[in-house]
Amino acid sequence: MHYVRLGSSGLKVSRIMPGHDELRGRHGTGVAPGRGARPSRSSGQAAESGVTFFDTADMYSGGMTEEITGRLLGKLFGPSR
């Protein structure tokens, strides 16, 4: 995996960045906070391959996508330091 610096932050992130758009439930409906919040197979595989940069936006699902994605990444990578 190739890594680059993220702007002037000093952080190194993977050059590959999968995007997470609106989260959908089993029947195509929005996902409620905390319900079904677990790493998707593709997110888990990406993390296992060294991906450390995941994209989402606060406009998706009224901001829930960012919250849920943060929890999922916490499960994949452990607590942030």
Protein backbone atom coordinates (compact mmCIF):
# COMPACT_ATOMS: atom_id res chain seq x y z
CA MET A 1 0.00 0.00 0.00
CA HIS A 2 1.28 3.46 -0.84
CA TYR A 3 0.82 6.28 1.67
CA VAL A 4 0.94 10.08 1.30
CA ARG A 5 0.89 12.99 3.72
CA LEU A 6 -2.53 14.56 4.24
CA GLY A 7 -1.94 18.25 3.56
CA SER A 8 0.17 19.89 6.25
CA SER A 9 -1.35 17.78 9.05
CA GLY A 10 1.58 15.38 9.17
CA LEU A 11 -0.80 12.43 8.93
CA LYS A 12 0.03 9.66 6.49
CA VAL A 13 -2.95 8.09 4.76
CA SER A 14 -3.41 5.49 2.06
CA ARG A 15 -3.53 6.75 -1.52
CA ILE A 16 -6.60 4.57 -2.05
CA MET A 17 -9.72 6.06 -0.49
CA PRO A 18 -13.03 4.19 -0.69
CA GLY A 19 -16.14 6.34 -0.40
CA HIS A 20 -19.13 5.72 1.83
CA ASP A 21 -22.35 7.29 0.68
CA GLU A 22 -25.75 6.99 2.29
CA LEU A 23 -26.00 3.87 4.40
CA ARG A 24 -28.87 1.60 3.54
CA GLY A 25 -30.60 -0.96 5.68
CA ARG A 26 -31.55 -4.45 4.65
CA HIS A 27 -34.62 -3.25 2.74
CA GLY A 28 -33.11 -0.11 1.18
CA THR A 29 -34.17 2.18 4.00
CA GLY A 30 -31.93 4.45 6.06
CA VAL A 31 -29.96 2.95 8.93
CA ALA A 32 -30.79 4.17 12.43
CA PRO A 33 -27.83 5.16 14.63
CA GLY A 34 -26.32 2.12 16.32
CA ARG A 35 -28.46 -0.37 14.41
CA GLY A 36 -26.54 -2.74 12.21
CA ALA A 37 -23.37 -0.70 12.73
CA ARG A 38 -20.68 -3.17 11.84
CA PRO A 39 -17.86 -3.13 9.34
CA SER A 40 -18.98 -4.05 5.86
CA ARG A 41 -17.07 -6.80 4.12
CA SER A 42 -15.52 -4.31 1.69
CA SER A 43 -14.50 -1.90 4.48
CA GLY A 44 -12.93 -4.75 6.43
CA GLN A 45 -11.08 -6.03 3.37
CA ALA A 46 -9.86 -2.52 2.56
CA ALA A 47 -8.56 -2.04 6.12
CA GLU A 48 -6.86 -5.45 6.05
CA SER A 49 -5.15 -4.38 2.81
CA GLY A 50 -3.75 -1.25 4.47
CA VAL A 51 -6.36 1.36 3.49
CA THR A 52 -6.52 4.04 6.19
CA PHE A 53 -8.47 6.81 4.40
CA PHE A 54 -12.26 6.51 4.05
CA ASP A 55 -14.47 9.22 2.59
CA THR A 56 -17.99 10.24 3.56
CA ALA A 57 -19.93 13.49 3.89
CA ASP A 58 -22.16 15.05 6.53
CA MET A 59 -24.94 15.49 3.98
CA TYR A 60 -25.47 11.73 3.65
CA SER A 61 -28.26 10.42 5.88
CA GLY A 62 -28.36 13.69 7.82
CA GLY A 63 -24.83 13.21 9.17
CA MET A 64 -25.44 9.66 10.37
CA THR A 65 -23.10 8.22 7.74
CA GLU A 66 -20.12 10.01 9.32
CA GLU A 67 -21.06 8.86 12.83
CA ILE A 68 -21.63 5.25 11.81
CA THR A 69 -18.50 5.17 9.62
CA GLY A 70 -16.48 6.51 12.59
CA ARG A 71 -17.77 3.73 14.84
CA LEU A 72 -17.09 1.12 12.18
CA LEU A 73 -13.53 2.33 11.68
CA GLY A 74 -13.03 2.32 15.45
CA LYS A 75 -13.92 -1.37 15.40
CA LEU A 76 -11.54 -2.01 12.50
CA PHE A 77 -8.56 0.05 13.74
CA GLY A 78 -9.14 0.38 17.49
CA PRO A 79 -9.47 3.62 19.45
CA SER A 80 -7.75 6.72 18.08
CA ARG A 81 -4.84 8.13 20.00
